[in-house]
Amino acid sequence: MNELVELITSSIENPIGDPWFPDLTSQLTTSAWDRLRRETGLTRASYGTERVLLRNPETSRDIISSLRLPEPDYPEIQIEGISEECASQYRQLGISFYSSQDTFDTDVIQCLEEALLVLSRVPTLMRTILALVRSIHLIKPRSPDHDVSFSEPSVPFSVFVSVPQERYATDVLRVAEAVVHEAMHLQLTLIEQHVPLANSTSNKYYSPWRNQYRNAQSILHAIYVFTSVAKALVEIRSSGRWAVEWTDHIQSRCSEITKQLLEVRAVQCIRELTPLGSSLVGWLMVTTGGLNVDDSRDY
């Protein structure tokens, strides 16, 4: 067993602290960058989503902007555009992206930067996100109440996040949640590259988030991601005084997530999870049970 596998195993079997594993992320991402460099020649400086997809460091890339981050020594996050050829494939799925001009004609960059500023109220989470996310692609939402985000397991340091064109009271929190959501998918994918957490089978289990049946790995990812989101929102809530819209939004989201997690509690016992995967689910459920989501203090 190599050193990183031992660290992952210990972090899951003897968990201490937050579900985003702040003491593990640095080693995970260092290993991922080394692997990406060996396989494609890409480094942090030359990274681009389509370069990873095409396995070609010479592929052109469109770096629209670099985000202004709360601390000057934070690693840079770039807003990356996407080629028309690649964008057309996503349009078939109902997903469209902001153009370079769109990003400067609207407040989307400002909204995203404000979301990162809020996340910086939780320092261990912010450092984890900065280690995991190099490129952000901006999705144009179909409506103000329709959030869309995703990441690709084959693209280790990129996330795709919708940001509203027009501002509203809780837009920053919703964008912040999307960033956490996708960063945690990337984190768990990196963990799975070193240790198996779920075996591949055709068995399906009900997902309250998708309102459909999904395999064990998908349910495990959802449990991990939404536990992290709920913990992040609780930490954000306790970090300062917020407008009533924010307080209500955080309370509502945490309560909703907690109820959804309770619906899949039995997943811990299914055969498709490895012993380590079962240990992870058990700890996440305990973490969720310890969240004070009903605290009504005036923050």
Protein backbone atom coordinates (compact mmCIF):
# COMPACT_ATOMS: atom_id res chain seq x y z
CA MET A 1 0.00 0.00 0.00
CA ASN A 2 1.52 3.32 -1.05
CA GLU A 3 1.62 6.43 1.13
CA LEU A 4 -1.33 8.20 -0.51
CA VAL A 5 -3.56 5.10 -0.34
CA GLU A 6 -2.69 4.79 3.34
CA LEU A 7 -3.57 8.44 3.92
CA ILE A 8 -6.91 8.10 2.09
CA THR A 9 -7.77 4.93 3.98
CA SER A 10 -6.88 6.50 7.32
CA SER A 11 -8.83 9.68 6.50
CA ILE A 12 -11.98 7.64 5.82
CA GLU A 13 -11.63 5.02 8.53
CA ASN A 14 -10.56 7.49 11.23
CA PRO A 15 -12.19 10.74 10.08
CA ILE A 16 -11.46 13.99 11.86
CA GLY A 17 -12.87 17.33 10.82
CA ASP A 18 -14.69 18.32 7.67
CA PRO A 19 -16.04 16.09 4.89
CA TRP A 20 -13.98 17.93 2.28
CA PHE A 21 -10.84 16.33 3.80
CA PRO A 22 -8.69 19.49 3.92
CA ASP A 23 -5.62 17.54 5.05
CA LEU A 24 -5.92 15.13 2.13
CA THR A 25 -6.63 17.41 -0.82
CA SER A 26 -3.09 18.67 -1.35
CA GLN A 27 -1.67 15.16 -1.77
CA LEU A 28 -4.57 14.12 -4.00
CA THR A 29 -4.17 17.07 -6.35
CA THR A 30 -0.37 16.80 -6.44
CA SER A 31 -0.76 13.18 -7.54
CA ALA A 32 -3.38 14.17 -10.14
CA TRP A 33 -1.22 16.95 -11.59
CA ASP A 34 1.75 14.56 -11.84
CA ARG A 35 -0.41 12.01 -13.63
CA LEU A 36 -1.84 14.63 -16.01
CA ARG A 37 1.64 15.90 -16.84
CA ARG A 38 2.89 12.38 -17.59
CA GLU A 39 -0.12 11.52 -19.76
CA THR A 40 -0.68 14.80 -21.61
CA GLY A 41 2.20 17.17 -20.90
CA LEU A 42 -0.20 19.62 -19.24
CA THR A 43 0.77 21.65 -16.18
CA ARG A 44 -1.21 24.07 -14.03
CA ALA A 45 0.06 26.93 -16.21
CA SER A 46 -0.94 25.28 -19.50
CA TYR A 47 -4.13 23.60 -18.27
CA GLY A 48 -7.28 23.83 -20.36
CA THR A 49 -10.45 21.73 -20.41
CA GLU A 50 -10.40 20.90 -24.12
CA ARG A 51 -6.68 20.25 -23.94
CA VAL A 52 -7.45 17.54 -21.39
CA LEU A 53 -10.37 16.16 -23.40
CA LEU A 54 -8.25 15.98 -26.57
CA ARG A 55 -5.10 14.94 -24.67
CA ASN A 56 -3.23 17.64 -26.55
CA PRO A 57 -1.37 20.53 -24.84
CA GLU A 58 -1.24 22.41 -28.14
CA THR A 59 -5.02 22.70 -28.54
CA SER A 60 -6.10 26.34 -28.51
CA ARG A 61 -7.87 27.59 -25.39
CA ASP A 62 -9.94 30.65 -24.58
CA ILE A 63 -9.04 32.13 -21.20
CA ILE A 64 -11.70 34.81 -20.75
CA SER A 65 -10.55 36.14 -17.40
CA SER A 66 -8.91 35.28 -14.11
CA LEU A 67 -11.05 35.61 -11.03
CA ARG A 68 -10.20 38.20 -8.41
CA LEU A 69 -9.78 36.16 -5.24
CA PRO A 70 -10.08 37.26 -1.59
CA GLU A 71 -6.37 36.76 -0.84
CA PRO A 72 -3.51 37.73 -3.19
CA ASP A 73 -1.55 34.53 -2.54
CA TYR A 74 -4.43 32.23 -3.50
CA PRO A 75 -3.87 30.03 -6.59
CA GLU A 76 -5.46 31.49 -9.71
CA ILE A 77 -8.80 30.27 -11.03
CA GLN A 78 -9.44 30.98 -14.70
CA ILE A 79 -12.74 31.47 -16.48
CA GLU A 80 -12.37 29.43 -19.61
CA GLY A 81 -14.43 29.62 -22.76
CA ILE A 82 -15.36 26.63 -24.84
CA SER A 83 -15.04 26.06 -28.59
CA GLU A 84 -18.09 26.11 -30.82
CA GLU A 85 -17.59 22.45 -31.70
CA CYS A 86 -17.61 21.42 -28.06
CA ALA A 87 -20.40 23.85 -27.14
CA SER A 88 -22.64 22.40 -29.86
CA GLN A 89 -22.46 18.98 -28.22
CA TYR A 90 -23.66 20.46 -24.93
CA ARG A 91 -26.44 22.42 -26.66
CA GLN A 92 -27.95 19.09 -27.68
CA LEU A 93 -28.33 18.46 -23.93
CA GLY A 94 -29.96 21.84 -23.37
CA ILE A 95 -26.82 23.53 -22.01
CA SER A 96 -25.52 26.82 -23.37
CA PHE A 97 -22.56 28.92 -22.29
CA TYR A 98 -21.86 32.61 -21.95
CA SER A 99 -19.69 34.04 -24.70
CA SER A 100 -16.61 36.07 -23.85
CA GLN A 101 -18.53 39.27 -24.54
CA ASP A 102 -21.49 38.13 -22.43
CA THR A 103 -19.28 37.80 -19.39
CA PHE A 104 -18.22 41.44 -19.61
CA ASP A 105 -21.67 42.79 -20.50
CA THR A 106 -23.30 41.22 -17.43
CA ASP A 107 -22.50 40.81 -13.72
CA VAL A 108 -21.70 37.09 -13.93
CA ILE A 109 -18.01 37.47 -13.05
CA GLN A 110 -18.85 39.73 -10.13
CA CYS A 111 -21.43 37.22 -8.86
CA LEU A 112 -18.92 34.38 -9.08
CA GLU A 113 -16.25 36.40 -7.28
CA GLU A 114 -18.72 37.25 -4.53
CA ALA A 115 -19.55 33.56 -4.19
CA LEU A 116 -15.87 32.77 -3.69
CA LEU A 117 -15.62 35.58 -1.15
CA VAL A 118 -18.42 33.96 0.86
CA LEU A 119 -16.71 30.57 0.63
CA SER A 120 -13.51 32.12 1.95
CA ARG A 121 -15.38 32.53 5.26
CA VAL A 122 -14.66 28.80 5.64
CA PRO A 123 -10.86 28.72 5.15
CA THR A 124 -10.39 24.94 4.98
CA LEU A 125 -13.13 24.68 2.36
CA MET A 126 -11.74 27.54 0.31
CA ARG A 127 -8.26 26.02 0.25
CA THR A 128 -9.76 22.70 -0.84
CA ILE A 129 -11.70 24.34 -3.69
CA LEU A 130 -8.65 26.31 -4.85
CA ALA A 131 -6.62 23.10 -4.99
CA LEU A 132 -9.31 21.29 -6.98
CA VAL A 133 -10.60 23.93 -9.40
CA ARG A 134 -8.39 25.45 -12.08
CA SER A 135 -10.98 26.30 -14.76
CA ILE A 136 -14.61 27.37 -14.46
CA HIS A 137 -16.97 27.35 -17.43
CA LEU A 138 -19.98 29.65 -17.13
CA ILE A 139 -23.36 28.17 -18.06
CA LYS A 140 -26.21 30.44 -19.06
CA PRO A 141 -29.27 29.33 -17.01
CA ARG A 142 -32.61 28.94 -18.74
CA SER A 143 -34.36 30.86 -15.95
CA PRO A 144 -33.47 32.48 -12.59
CA ASP A 145 -34.81 29.47 -10.65
CA HIS A 146 -33.02 26.83 -12.73
CA ASP A 147 -29.46 26.05 -11.55
CA VAL A 148 -27.23 23.81 -13.64
CA SER A 149 -23.77 22.52 -12.81
CA PHE A 150 -21.68 19.53 -13.73
CA SER A 151 -18.15 18.19 -13.95
CA GLU A 152 -16.52 15.49 -16.02
CA PRO A 153 -14.61 12.65 -14.29
CA SER A 154 -12.07 12.69 -17.13
CA VAL A 155 -11.32 16.41 -16.62
CA PRO A 156 -9.80 16.62 -13.14
CA PHE A 157 -9.65 20.36 -12.51
CA SER A 158 -12.63 21.87 -14.37
CA VAL A 159 -16.18 22.68 -13.28
CA PHE A 160 -19.20 23.94 -15.22
CA VAL A 161 -21.46 26.25 -13.22
CA SER A 162 -24.52 28.34 -14.07
CA VAL A 163 -24.49 31.99 -13.01
CA PRO A 164 -27.58 34.22 -13.40
CA GLN A 165 -27.50 37.14 -15.82
CA GLU A 166 -29.56 39.32 -13.48
CA ARG A 167 -28.88 39.67 -9.76
CA TYR A 168 -31.28 38.54 -7.02
CA ALA A 169 -31.08 38.16 -3.23
CA THR A 170 -29.65 34.64 -2.94
CA ASP A 171 -27.73 34.34 -6.21
CA VAL A 172 -24.32 34.34 -4.50
CA LEU A 173 -25.28 31.48 -2.18
CA ARG A 174 -26.64 29.40 -5.03
CA VAL A 175 -23.49 29.90 -7.10
CA ALA A 176 -21.33 29.15 -4.05
CA GLU A 177 -23.24 25.90 -3.51
CA ALA A 178 -22.71 24.90 -7.14
CA VAL A 179 -18.96 25.48 -6.87
CA VAL A 180 -18.77 23.37 -3.70
CA HIS A 181 -20.95 20.68 -5.29
CA GLU A 182 -18.75 20.23 -8.34
CA ALA A 183 -15.46 20.58 -6.45
CA MET A 184 -16.55 17.74 -4.18
CA HIS A 185 -17.33 15.56 -7.19
CA LEU A 186 -13.78 16.20 -8.39
CA GLN A 187 -12.41 15.39 -4.94
CA LEU A 188 -14.23 12.07 -4.65
CA THR A 189 -13.24 11.13 -8.21
CA LEU A 190 -9.58 11.66 -7.30
CA ILE A 191 -10.05 9.49 -4.20
CA GLU A 192 -11.64 6.74 -6.33
CA GLN A 193 -8.59 6.70 -8.59
CA HIS A 194 -6.61 5.33 -5.66
CA VAL A 195 -9.10 3.28 -3.63
CA PRO A 196 -12.32 1.54 -4.73
CA LEU A 197 -15.44 2.72 -2.90
CA ALA A 198 -18.17 1.03 -4.95
CA ASN A 199 -18.22 -1.97 -7.24
CA SER A 200 -19.75 -1.66 -10.68
CA THR A 201 -23.10 -3.46 -10.88
CA SER A 202 -26.41 -3.06 -12.64
CA ASN A 203 -28.33 -2.69 -9.36
CA LYS A 204 -30.06 0.65 -8.94
CA TYR A 205 -31.17 2.58 -5.86
CA TYR A 206 -33.57 5.46 -5.50
CA SER A 207 -32.00 8.93 -5.59
CA PRO A 208 -34.17 11.67 -4.04
CA TRP A 209 -32.03 14.28 -5.80
CA ARG A 210 -32.69 12.91 -9.28
CA ASN A 211 -36.08 11.33 -8.49
CA GLN A 212 -34.85 8.26 -10.32
CA TYR A 213 -32.87 5.10 -9.67
CA ARG A 214 -29.06 5.31 -9.85
CA ASN A 215 -26.17 2.92 -9.30
CA ALA A 216 -24.29 2.68 -6.01
CA GLN A 217 -21.41 4.90 -7.14
CA SER A 218 -23.79 7.71 -8.15
CA ILE A 219 -25.61 7.51 -4.81
CA LEU A 220 -22.29 7.55 -2.96
CA HIS A 221 -21.21 10.67 -4.86
CA ALA A 222 -24.53 12.37 -4.05
CA ILE A 223 -24.22 11.57 -0.34
CA TYR A 224 -20.66 12.91 -0.26
CA VAL A 225 -21.41 16.04 -2.25
CA PHE A 226 -24.59 17.05 -0.43
CA THR A 227 -23.17 16.34 3.02
CA SER A 228 -20.30 18.67 2.12
CA VAL A 229 -22.70 21.30 0.80
CA ALA A 230 -24.84 21.19 3.95
CA LYS A 231 -21.78 21.41 6.21
CA ALA A 232 -20.44 24.32 4.13
CA LEU A 233 -23.74 26.21 4.40
CA VAL A 234 -23.87 25.69 8.17
CA GLU A 235 -20.29 26.98 8.46
CA ILE A 236 -21.10 29.99 6.27
CA ARG A 237 -24.17 30.74 8.37
CA SER A 238 -22.15 30.74 11.58
CA SER A 239 -19.37 32.92 10.13
CA GLY A 240 -21.21 36.25 10.17
CA ARG A 241 -24.44 38.21 10.20
CA TRP A 242 -26.49 37.88 7.02
CA ALA A 243 -29.64 39.37 5.52
CA VAL A 244 -32.83 37.51 6.39
CA GLU A 245 -33.06 36.16 2.80
CA TRP A 246 -29.68 34.45 3.23
CA THR A 247 -30.51 33.08 6.67
CA ASP A 248 -33.80 31.65 5.42
CA HIS A 249 -32.18 30.22 2.29
CA ILE A 250 -29.43 28.45 4.23
CA GLN A 251 -31.95 27.08 6.74
CA SER A 252 -34.22 25.81 3.96
CA ARG A 253 -31.42 24.19 1.93
CA CYS A 254 -29.84 22.48 4.94
CA SER A 255 -33.18 21.08 6.07
CA GLU A 256 -33.97 19.85 2.56
CA ILE A 257 -30.58 18.18 2.15
CA THR A 258 -30.80 16.53 5.58
CA LYS A 259 -34.19 15.02 4.73
CA GLN A 260 -32.87 13.73 1.40
CA LEU A 261 -29.84 12.16 3.07
CA LEU A 262 -32.09 10.38 5.56
CA GLU A 263 -33.93 8.82 2.62
CA VAL A 264 -30.75 7.05 1.49
CA ARG A 265 -29.38 6.09 4.91
CA ALA A 266 -29.75 2.38 4.11
CA VAL A 267 -27.23 2.69 1.26
CA GLN A 268 -24.48 2.13 3.84
CA CYS A 269 -25.47 -1.54 3.98
CA ILE A 270 -25.67 -2.40 0.28
CA ARG A 271 -23.30 -5.03 -1.12
CA GLU A 272 -22.01 -2.83 -3.93
CA LEU A 273 -20.09 -0.60 -1.52
CA THR A 274 -16.61 -1.70 -0.56
CA PRO A 275 -15.83 -1.74 3.18
CA LEU A 276 -14.14 1.64 2.76
CA GLY A 277 -17.13 3.01 0.83
CA SER A 278 -19.46 1.80 3.57
CA SER A 279 -17.26 3.46 6.20
CA LEU A 280 -17.40 6.72 4.27
CA VAL A 281 -21.19 6.67 4.03
CA GLY A 282 -21.50 5.84 7.72
CA TRP A 283 -19.33 8.79 8.70
CA LEU A 284 -21.15 11.16 6.34
CA MET A 285 -24.48 10.16 7.87
CA VAL A 286 -23.12 10.83 11.35
CA THR A 287 -21.82 14.20 10.12
CA THR A 288 -25.23 15.08 8.73
CA GLY A 289 -26.92 14.08 11.98
CA GLY A 290 -24.62 16.44 13.86
CA LEU A 291 -25.45 19.50 11.77
CA ASN A 292 -27.47 22.11 13.63
CA VAL A 293 -29.74 22.89 10.70
CA ASP A 294 -32.63 24.06 12.90
CA ASP A 295 -30.66 26.77 14.70
CA SER A 296 -32.79 29.90 14.35
CA ARG A 297 -30.41 32.39 15.91
CA ASP A 298 -30.22 35.79 14.25
CA TYR A 299 -27.05 35.68 12.24
